[in-house]
PDB file of N, CA and C in Angstrom:
ATOM      1  N   MET A   1     136.322 111.467  87.086  1.00  0.00           N
ATOM      2  CA  MET A   1     134.733 111.009  87.422  1.00  0.00           C
ATOM      3  C   MET A   1     134.547 109.784  87.716  1.00  0.00           C
ATOM      4  N   LYS A   2     135.177 108.688  86.975  1.00  0.00           N
ATOM      5  CA  LYS A   2     135.179 107.464  87.063  1.00  0.00           C
ATOM      6  C   LYS A   2     135.485 106.962  88.612  1.00  0.00           C
ATOM      7  N   LYS A   3     136.843 107.872  89.099  1.00  0.00           N
ATOM      8  CA  LYS A   3     137.487 107.380  90.341  1.00  0.00           C
ATOM      9  C   LYS A   3     136.468 107.813  91.436  1.00  0.00           C
ATOM     10  N   LEU A   4     135.538 109.014  91.140  1.00  0.00           N
ATOM     11  CA  LEU A   4     134.538 109.456  92.375  1.00  0.00           C
ATOM     12  C   LEU A   4     133.604 108.545  92.156  1.00  0.00           C
ATOM     13  N   LEU A   5     132.890 107.955  91.319  1.00  0.00           N
ATOM     14  CA  LEU A   5     131.977 106.943  91.390  1.00  0.00           C
ATOM     15  C   LEU A   5     132.457 105.649  92.072  1.00  0.00           C
ATOM     16  N   VAL A   6     133.578 105.057  91.432  1.00  0.00           N
ATOM     17  CA  VAL A   6     134.209 103.923  92.401  1.00  0.00           C
ATOM     18  C   VAL A   6     134.039 104.142  93.744  1.00  0.00           C
ATOM     19  N   ALA A   7     134.855 105.232  94.008  1.00  0.00           N
ATOM     20  CA  ALA A   7     135.065 105.637  95.572  1.00  0.00           C
ATOM     21  C   ALA A   7     133.652 105.422  96.361  1.00  0.00           C
ATOM     22  N   ALA A   8     132.428 106.376  95.721  1.00  0.00           N
ATOM     23  CA  ALA A   8     131.257 106.184  95.917  1.00  0.00           C
ATOM     24  C   ALA A   8     130.782 104.742  96.565  1.00  0.00           C
ATOM     25  N   MET A   9     131.169 104.019  95.344  1.00  0.00           N
ATOM     26  CA  MET A   9     130.209 102.560  95.421  1.00  0.00           C
ATOM     27  C   MET A   9     130.713 101.983  96.156  1.00  0.00           C
ATOM     28  N   LEU A  10     132.164 102.074  96.746  1.00  0.00           N
ATOM     29  CA  LEU A  10     132.823 101.292  97.547  1.00  0.00           C
ATOM     30  C   LEU A  10     132.188 101.748  99.277  1.00  0.00           C
ATOM     31  N   VAL A  11     132.200 102.793  99.289  1.00  0.00           N
ATOM     32  CA  VAL A  11     131.896 103.300 100.491  1.00  0.00           C
ATOM     33  C   VAL A  11     130.469 102.602 100.868  1.00  0.00           C
ATOM     34  N   ALA A  12     129.362 102.547  99.632  1.00  0.00           N
ATOM     35  CA  ALA A  12     128.319 102.276  99.958  1.00  0.00           C
ATOM     36  C   ALA A  12     128.220 100.663 100.470  1.00  0.00           C
ATOM     37  N   PHE A  13     128.769  99.909  99.429  1.00  0.00           N
ATOM     38  CA  PHE A  13     128.888  98.585  99.683  1.00  0.00           C
ATOM     39  C   PHE A  13     129.580  98.464 101.285  1.00  0.00           C
ATOM     40  N   ALA A  14     130.527  98.895 101.258  1.00  0.00           N
ATOM     41  CA  ALA A  14     131.144  98.693 102.808  1.00  0.00           C
ATOM     42  C   ALA A  14     130.569  98.927 103.730  1.00  0.00           C
ATOM     43  N   THR A  15     129.670  99.780 103.798  1.00  0.00           N
ATOM     44  CA  THR A  15     128.565 100.358 104.809  1.00  0.00           C
ATOM     45  C   THR A  15     127.553  98.970 105.150  1.00  0.00           C
ATOM     46  N   VAL A  16     126.826  98.740 103.972  1.00  0.00           N
ATOM     47  CA  VAL A  16     126.269  97.571 103.740  1.00  0.00           C
ATOM     48  C   VAL A  16     126.796  96.095 104.349  1.00  0.00           C
ATOM     49  N   ALA A  17     128.237  95.867 103.820  1.00  0.00           N
ATOM     50  CA  ALA A  17     128.812  94.901 104.231  1.00  0.00           C
ATOM     51  C   ALA A  17     128.906  94.802 105.988  1.00  0.00           C
ATOM     52  N   TYR A  18     129.241  96.156 106.482  1.00  0.00           N
ATOM     53  CA  TYR A  18     129.671  95.865 107.941  1.00  0.00           C
ATOM     54  C   TYR A  18     128.154  96.158 108.712  1.00  0.00           C
ATOM     55  N   ALA A  19     127.308  96.445 108.164  1.00  0.00           N
ATOM     56  CA  ALA A  19     126.077  96.567 109.094  1.00  0.00           C
ATOM     57  C   ALA A  19     125.693  95.286 109.906  1.00  0.00           C
ATOM     58  N   SER A  20     125.229  95.685 111.222  1.00  0.00           N
ATOM     59  CA  SER A  20     125.184  94.337 112.229  1.00  0.00           C
ATOM     60  C   SER A  20     123.816  93.888 111.593  1.00  0.00           C
ATOM     61  N   ASP A  21     123.659  92.238 111.840  1.00  0.00           N
ATOM     62  CA  ASP A  21     122.538  91.465 111.581  1.00  0.00           C
ATOM     63  C   ASP A  21     121.566  91.738 112.438  1.00  0.00           C
ATOM     64  N   THR A  22     121.856  92.140 113.554  1.00  0.00           N
ATOM     65  CA  THR A  22     120.708  92.319 114.669  1.00  0.00           C
ATOM     66  C   THR A  22     121.321  93.704 115.797  1.00  0.00           C
ATOM     67  N   VAL A  23     120.240  94.431 116.223  1.00  0.00           N
ATOM     68  CA  VAL A  23     120.813  95.713 117.062  1.00  0.00           C
ATOM     69  C   VAL A  23     119.618  95.673 118.045  1.00  0.00           C
ATOM     70  N   VAL A  24     120.229  95.502 119.332  1.00  0.00           N
ATOM     71  CA  VAL A  24     119.378  95.352 120.672  1.00  0.00           C
ATOM     72  C   VAL A  24     119.197  96.976 121.036  1.00  0.00           C
ATOM     73  N   MET A  25     118.019  97.045 120.814  1.00  0.00           N
ATOM     74  CA  MET A  25     117.370  98.775 121.681  1.00  0.00           C
ATOM     75  C   MET A  25     117.084  98.328 123.309  1.00  0.00           C
ATOM     76  N   GLU A  26     117.553  98.890 123.891  1.00  0.00           N
ATOM     77  CA  GLU A  26     117.221  98.693 125.282  1.00  0.00           C
ATOM     78  C   GLU A  26     115.956  99.303 125.844  1.00  0.00           C
ATOM     79  N   ALA A  27     114.888  99.237 126.333  1.00  0.00           N
ATOM     80  CA  ALA A  27     113.846  99.866 127.034  1.00  0.00           C
ATOM     81  C   ALA A  27     113.107  99.541 128.400  1.00  0.00           C
ATOM     82  N   LYS A  28     112.665 100.187 128.719  1.00  0.00           N
ATOM     83  CA  LYS A  28     112.119 100.126 130.042  1.00  0.00           C
ATOM     84  C   LYS A  28     111.135  98.571 130.077  1.00  0.00           C
ATOM     85  N   ASN A  29     110.523  98.563 129.385  1.00  0.00           N
ATOM     86  CA  ASN A  29     109.603  97.625 129.097  1.00  0.00           C
ATOM     87  C   ASN A  29     109.794  96.650 128.539  1.00  0.00           C
ATOM     88  N   GLY A  30     111.142  96.303 128.378  1.00  0.00           N
ATOM     89  CA  GLY A  30     111.567  95.138 127.526  1.00  0.00           C
ATOM     90  C   GLY A  30     112.214  95.640 126.293  1.00  0.00           C
ATOM     91  N   ASN A  31     113.616  95.000 126.186  1.00  0.00           N
ATOM     92  CA  ASN A  31     114.518  95.492 125.003  1.00  0.00           C
ATOM     93  C   ASN A  31     113.787  94.849 123.573  1.00  0.00           C
ATOM     94  N   VAL A  32     114.045  95.505 122.779  1.00  0.00           N
ATOM     95  CA  VAL A  32     113.559  95.438 121.373  1.00  0.00           C
ATOM     96  C   VAL A  32     114.808  95.102 120.479  1.00  0.00           C
ATOM     97  N   THR A  33     114.669  93.872 120.000  1.00  0.00           N
ATOM     98  CA  THR A  33     115.649  93.354 119.099  1.00  0.00           C
ATOM     99  C   THR A  33     115.360  93.575 117.674  1.00  0.00           C
ATOM    100  N   PHE A  34     115.852  94.178 116.912  1.00  0.00           N
ATOM    101  CA  PHE A  34     115.704  94.480 115.604  1.00  0.00           C
ATOM    102  C   PHE A  34     116.632  93.618 114.391  1.00  0.00           C
ATOM    103  N   ASN A  35     115.967  93.223 113.704  1.00  0.00           N
ATOM    104  CA  ASN A  35     116.675  92.054 112.734  1.00  0.00           C
ATOM    105  C   ASN A  35     117.115  92.916 111.715  1.00  0.00           C
ATOM    106  N   HIS A  36     118.032  93.708 111.357  1.00  0.00           N
ATOM    107  CA  HIS A  36     118.584  94.632 110.508  1.00  0.00           C
ATOM    108  C   HIS A  36     118.825  93.490 109.467  1.00  0.00           C
ATOM    109  N   LYS A  37     119.311  92.531 109.117  1.00  0.00           N
ATOM    110  CA  LYS A  37     119.416  91.402 108.076  1.00  0.00           C
ATOM    111  C   LYS A  37     118.507  91.282 107.230  1.00  0.00           C
ATOM    112  N   ASN A  38     117.167  90.972 108.032  1.00  0.00           N
ATOM    113  CA  ASN A  38     116.151  90.697 107.221  1.00  0.00           C
ATOM    114  C   ASN A  38     115.411  92.137 106.305  1.00  0.00           C
ATOM    115  N   HIS A  39     115.534  93.180 107.494  1.00  0.00           N
ATOM    116  CA  HIS A  39     114.783  94.484 106.750  1.00  0.00           C
ATOM    117  C   HIS A  39     115.474  94.798 105.567  1.00  0.00           C
ATOM    118  N   SER A  40     116.769  94.821 105.591  1.00  0.00           N
ATOM    119  CA  SER A  40     117.758  95.313 104.408  1.00  0.00           C
ATOM    120  C   SER A  40     117.839  94.347 103.492  1.00  0.00           C
ATOM    121  N   ALA A  41     117.222  92.996 103.461  1.00  0.00           N
ATOM    122  CA  ALA A  41     116.721  92.275 102.367  1.00  0.00           C
ATOM    123  C   ALA A  41     115.718  92.418 101.865  1.00  0.00           C
ATOM    124  N   SER A  42     114.591  93.359 102.460  1.00  0.00           N
ATOM    125  CA  SER A  42     113.526  93.346 101.678  1.00  0.00           C
ATOM    126  C   SER A  42     112.804  94.640 101.379  1.00  0.00           C
ATOM    127  N   MET A  43     114.052  95.675 101.982  1.00  0.00           N
ATOM    128  CA  MET A  43     113.873  97.229 101.705  1.00  0.00           C
ATOM    129  C   MET A  43     115.119  98.058 101.215  1.00  0.00           C
ATOM    130  N   GLU A  44     114.758  99.205 100.745  1.00  0.00           N
ATOM    131  CA  GLU A  44     115.894  99.966 100.485  1.00  0.00           C
ATOM    132  C   GLU A  44     116.538 100.649 101.952  1.00  0.00           C
ATOM    133  N   CYS A  45     117.525 100.754 101.875  1.00  0.00           N
ATOM    134  CA  CYS A  45     118.524 101.364 103.310  1.00  0.00           C
ATOM    135  C   CYS A  45     117.679 102.834 103.426  1.00  0.00           C
ATOM    136  N   LYS A  46     117.534 103.822 102.557  1.00  0.00           N
ATOM    137  CA  LYS A  46     116.951 105.134 102.215  1.00  0.00           C
ATOM    138  C   LYS A  46     115.323 104.902 103.059  1.00  0.00           C
ATOM    139  N   VAL A  47     114.831 103.888 103.454  1.00  0.00           N
ATOM    140  CA  VAL A  47     113.446 104.035 104.265  1.00  0.00           C
ATOM    141  C   VAL A  47     113.725 104.260 105.509  1.00  0.00           C
ATOM    142  N   CYS A  48     114.905 103.735 106.244  1.00  0.00           N
ATOM    143  CA  CYS A  48     114.959 103.987 107.588  1.00  0.00           C
ATOM    144  C   CYS A  48     116.204 105.034 107.720  1.00  0.00           C
ATOM    145  N   HIS A  49     117.127 105.102 106.958  1.00  0.00           N
ATOM    146  CA  HIS A  49     118.269 105.662 106.876  1.00  0.00           C
ATOM    147  C   HIS A  49     118.293 107.483 106.066  1.00  0.00           C
ATOM    148  N   GLY A  50     117.300 107.472 105.659  1.00  0.00           N
ATOM    149  CA  GLY A  50     117.288 108.751 104.770  1.00  0.00           C
ATOM    150  C   GLY A  50     118.137 108.377 103.409  1.00  0.00           C
ATOM    151  N   GLU A  51     118.240 109.530 102.819  1.00  0.00           N
ATOM    152  CA  GLU A  51     119.123 109.688 101.532  1.00  0.00           C
ATOM    153  C   GLU A  51     120.528 109.682 102.125  1.00  0.00           C
ATOM    154  N   GLY A  52     121.498 109.420 101.013  1.00  0.00           N
ATOM    155  CA  GLY A  52     123.104 109.589 101.423  1.00  0.00           C
ATOM    156  C   GLY A  52     123.513 108.113 101.780  1.00  0.00           C
ATOM    157  N   THR A  53     124.726 108.124 102.009  1.00  0.00           N
ATOM    158  CA  THR A  53     125.296 106.913 102.539  1.00  0.00           C
ATOM    159  C   THR A  53     124.735 106.460 103.998  1.00  0.00           C
ATOM    160  N   PRO A  54     123.878 105.330 104.055  1.00  0.00           N
ATOM    161  CA  PRO A  54     123.552 104.674 105.372  1.00  0.00           C
ATOM    162  C   PRO A  54     124.612 104.838 106.499  1.00  0.00           C
ATOM    163  N   SER A  55     124.148 105.212 107.659  1.00  0.00           N
ATOM    164  CA  SER A  55     125.030 105.422 108.977  1.00  0.00           C
ATOM    165  C   SER A  55     123.936 104.659 109.989  1.00  0.00           C
ATOM    166  N   LYS A  56     124.767 104.546 111.062  1.00  0.00           N
ATOM    167  CA  LYS A  56     123.973 104.407 112.171  1.00  0.00           C
ATOM    168  C   LYS A  56     123.073 105.313 112.573  1.00  0.00           C
ATOM    169  N   ILE A  57     121.589 104.788 112.955  1.00  0.00           N
ATOM    170  CA  ILE A  57     120.988 106.004 113.646  1.00  0.00           C
ATOM    171  C   ILE A  57     120.607 105.779 114.865  1.00  0.00           C
ATOM    172  N   ASP A  58     120.552 106.958 115.456  1.00  0.00           N
ATOM    173  CA  ASP A  58     119.809 107.052 116.832  1.00  0.00           C
ATOM    174  C   ASP A  58     118.419 107.196 117.054  1.00  0.00           C
ATOM    175  N   ILE A  59     117.860 106.174 117.612  1.00  0.00           N
ATOM    176  CA  ILE A  59     116.363 105.998 117.212  1.00  0.00           C
ATOM    177  C   ILE A  59     115.709 106.083 118.910  1.00  0.00           C
ATOM    178  N   ASP A  60     114.989 107.316 119.233  1.00  0.00           N
ATOM    179  CA  ASP A  60     113.957 107.467 120.348  1.00  0.00           C
ATOM    180  C   ASP A  60     112.869 106.562 120.348  1.00  0.00           C
ATOM    181  N   LYS A  61     112.097 106.486 121.641  1.00  0.00           N
ATOM    182  CA  LYS A  61     111.085 105.655 121.148  1.00  0.00           C
ATOM    183  C   LYS A  61     109.629 106.379 120.534  1.00  0.00           C
ATOM    184  N   LYS A  62     109.948 107.592 120.379  1.00  0.00           N
ATOM    185  CA  LYS A  62     109.063 108.428 119.476  1.00  0.00           C
ATOM    186  C   LYS A  62     109.093 108.004 118.201  1.00  0.00           C
ATOM    187  N   ALA A  63     110.535 107.806 117.718  1.00  0.00           N
ATOM    188  CA  ALA A  63     110.849 107.986 116.460  1.00  0.00           C
ATOM    189  C   ALA A  63     110.741 106.227 116.085  1.00  0.00           C
ATOM    190  N   ALA A  64     110.961 105.757 116.695  1.00  0.00           N
ATOM    191  CA  ALA A  64     110.890 103.938 116.990  1.00  0.00           C
ATOM    192  C   ALA A  64     109.442 103.545 116.330  1.00  0.00           C
ATOM    193  N   HIS A  65     108.488 104.207 117.034  1.00  0.00           N
ATOM    194  CA  HIS A  65     107.247 103.783 117.033  1.00  0.00           C
ATOM    195  C   HIS A  65     106.570 104.327 115.773  1.00  0.00           C
ATOM    196  N   ALA A  66     107.223 105.790 115.237  1.00  0.00           N
ATOM    197  CA  ALA A  66     106.446 106.220 114.056  1.00  0.00           C
ATOM    198  C   ALA A  66     107.075 105.356 112.771  1.00  0.00           C
ATOM    199  N   LEU A  67     108.627 104.892 113.116  1.00  0.00           N
ATOM    200  CA  LEU A  67     108.914 104.461 111.853  1.00  0.00           C
ATOM    201  C   LEU A  67     108.623 103.103 111.912  1.00  0.00           C
ATOM    202  N   CYS A  68     109.087 102.640 112.843  1.00  0.00           N
ATOM    203  CA  CYS A  68     108.942 100.828 112.845  1.00  0.00           C
ATOM    204  C   CYS A  68     107.436 100.190 112.649  1.00  0.00           C
ATOM    205  N   LYS A  69     106.751 100.930 114.191  1.00  0.00           N
ATOM    206  CA  LYS A  69     105.272 100.217 114.213  1.00  0.00           C
ATOM    207  C   LYS A  69     104.416 100.649 113.210  1.00  0.00           C
ATOM    208  N   ASP A  70     104.486 102.145 112.765  1.00  0.00           N
ATOM    209  CA  ASP A  70     103.673 102.483 111.633  1.00  0.00           C
ATOM    210  C   ASP A  70     103.988 102.015 110.237  1.00  0.00           C
ATOM    211  N   CYS A  71     105.145 101.377 109.748  1.00  0.00           N
ATOM    212  CA  CYS A  71     105.733 100.864 108.667  1.00  0.00           C
ATOM    213  C   CYS A  71     104.929  99.594 108.808  1.00  0.00           C
ATOM    214  N   HIS A  72     105.249  98.610 109.984  1.00  0.00           N
ATOM    215  CA  HIS A  72     104.502  97.485 110.021  1.00  0.00           C
ATOM    216  C   HIS A  72     103.016  97.277 109.925  1.00  0.00           C
ATOM    217  N   LYS A  73     102.200  98.499 110.322  1.00  0.00           N
ATOM    218  CA  LYS A  73     100.752  98.490 110.423  1.00  0.00           C
ATOM    219  C   LYS A  73     100.367  98.796 109.015  1.00  0.00           C
ATOM    220  N   THR A  74     100.984  99.399 108.062  1.00  0.00           N
ATOM    221  CA  THR A  74     101.152 100.001 106.589  1.00  0.00           C
ATOM    222  C   THR A  74     101.167  98.913 105.881  1.00  0.00           C
ATOM    223  N   LYS A  75     101.989  98.032 105.973  1.00  0.00           N
ATOM    224  CA  LYS A  75     102.470  96.800 105.325  1.00  0.00           C
ATOM    225  C   LYS A  75     101.798  95.717 105.591  1.00  0.00           C
ATOM    226  N   LYS A  76     101.014  95.677 107.302  1.00  0.00           N
ATOM    227  CA  LYS A  76     100.072  94.534 107.667  1.00  0.00           C
ATOM    228  C   LYS A  76     101.270  93.473 107.694  1.00  0.00           C
ATOM    229  N   GLN A  77     102.272  93.779 108.136  1.00  0.00           N
ATOM    230  CA  GLN A  77     103.284  92.530 108.294  1.00  0.00           C
ATOM    231  C   GLN A  77     104.256  92.926 109.521  1.00  0.00           C
ATOM    232  N   GLY A  78     104.480  92.152 110.095  1.00  0.00           N
ATOM    233  CA  GLY A  78     105.648  92.127 111.460  1.00  0.00           C
ATOM    234  C   GLY A  78     104.848  92.883 112.504  1.00  0.00           C
ATOM    235  N   PRO A  79     105.240  92.833 113.558  1.00  0.00           N
ATOM    236  CA  PRO A  79     104.860  93.032 114.973  1.00  0.00           C
ATOM    237  C   PRO A  79     104.276  94.699 115.042  1.00  0.00           C
ATOM    238  N   THR A  80     103.335  94.653 115.688  1.00  0.00           N
ATOM    239  CA  THR A  80     102.478  95.831 116.114  1.00  0.00           C
ATOM    240  C   THR A  80     101.841  96.196 117.547  1.00  0.00           C
ATOM    241  N   LYS A  81     102.240  95.055 118.228  1.00  0.00           N
ATOM    242  CA  LYS A  81     101.578  95.219 119.795  1.00  0.00           C
ATOM    243  C   LYS A  81     102.898  94.754 120.321  1.00  0.00           C
ATOM    244  N   CYS A  82     102.739  95.914 121.818  1.00  0.00           N
ATOM    245  CA  CYS A  82     104.177  96.159 122.742  1.00  0.00           C
ATOM    246  C   CYS A  82     104.728  94.901 122.818  1.00  0.00           C
ATOM    247  N   LYS A  83     104.234  93.976 123.278  1.00  0.00           N
ATOM    248  CA  LYS A  83     104.882  92.509 123.755  1.00  0.00           C
ATOM    249  C   LYS A  83     105.042  91.917 122.526  1.00  0.00           C
ATOM    250  N   GLU A  84     104.787  92.114 121.559  1.00  0.00           N
ATOM    251  CA  GLU A  84     105.731  91.565 120.148  1.00  0.00           C
ATOM    252  C   GLU A  84     107.154  91.918 119.860  1.00  0.00           C
ATOM    253  N   CYS A  85     107.452  93.123 120.224  1.00  0.00           N
ATOM    254  CA  CYS A  85     108.693  93.505 120.107  1.00  0.00           C
ATOM    255  C   CYS A  85     109.523  93.750 121.383  1.00  0.00           C
ATOM    256  N   HIS A  86     108.879  94.055 122.578  1.00  0.00           N
ATOM    257  CA  HIS A  86     109.018  94.195 124.000  1.00  0.00           C
ATOM    258  C   HIS A  86     109.382  92.962 124.705  1.00  0.00           C
ATOM    259  N   VAL A  87     110.561  92.506 124.689  1.00  0.00           N
ATOM    260  CA  VAL A  87     110.702  91.311 125.512  1.00  0.00           C
ATOM    261  C   VAL A  87     111.665  91.503 126.749  1.00  0.00           C
ATOM    262  N   LYS A  88     110.974  90.948 127.722  1.00  0.00           N
ATOM    263  CA  LYS A  88     111.953  91.066 129.337  1.00  0.00           C
ATOM    264  C   LYS A  88     112.680  89.734 129.481  1.00  0.00           C
TER     265      LYS A  88
END
């Protein structure tokens, strides 16, 4: 049991250690640069990645607006207007 717990912890910490500091998402109206390091410092991984071991998520326009923009509006923090995220 201890070995399983240690293995699970190693996987979790390795995932966090190798997570990109920034992620650039291409968009027609300007690319969006997401600062993963800042977000992961202030919130739990499961907020974006769901339960379980965090892994890369593929996010489309509809999902990004629902997850990112809605979170920023709710917290009254971060960009909420198009040009604040989308940079040409």
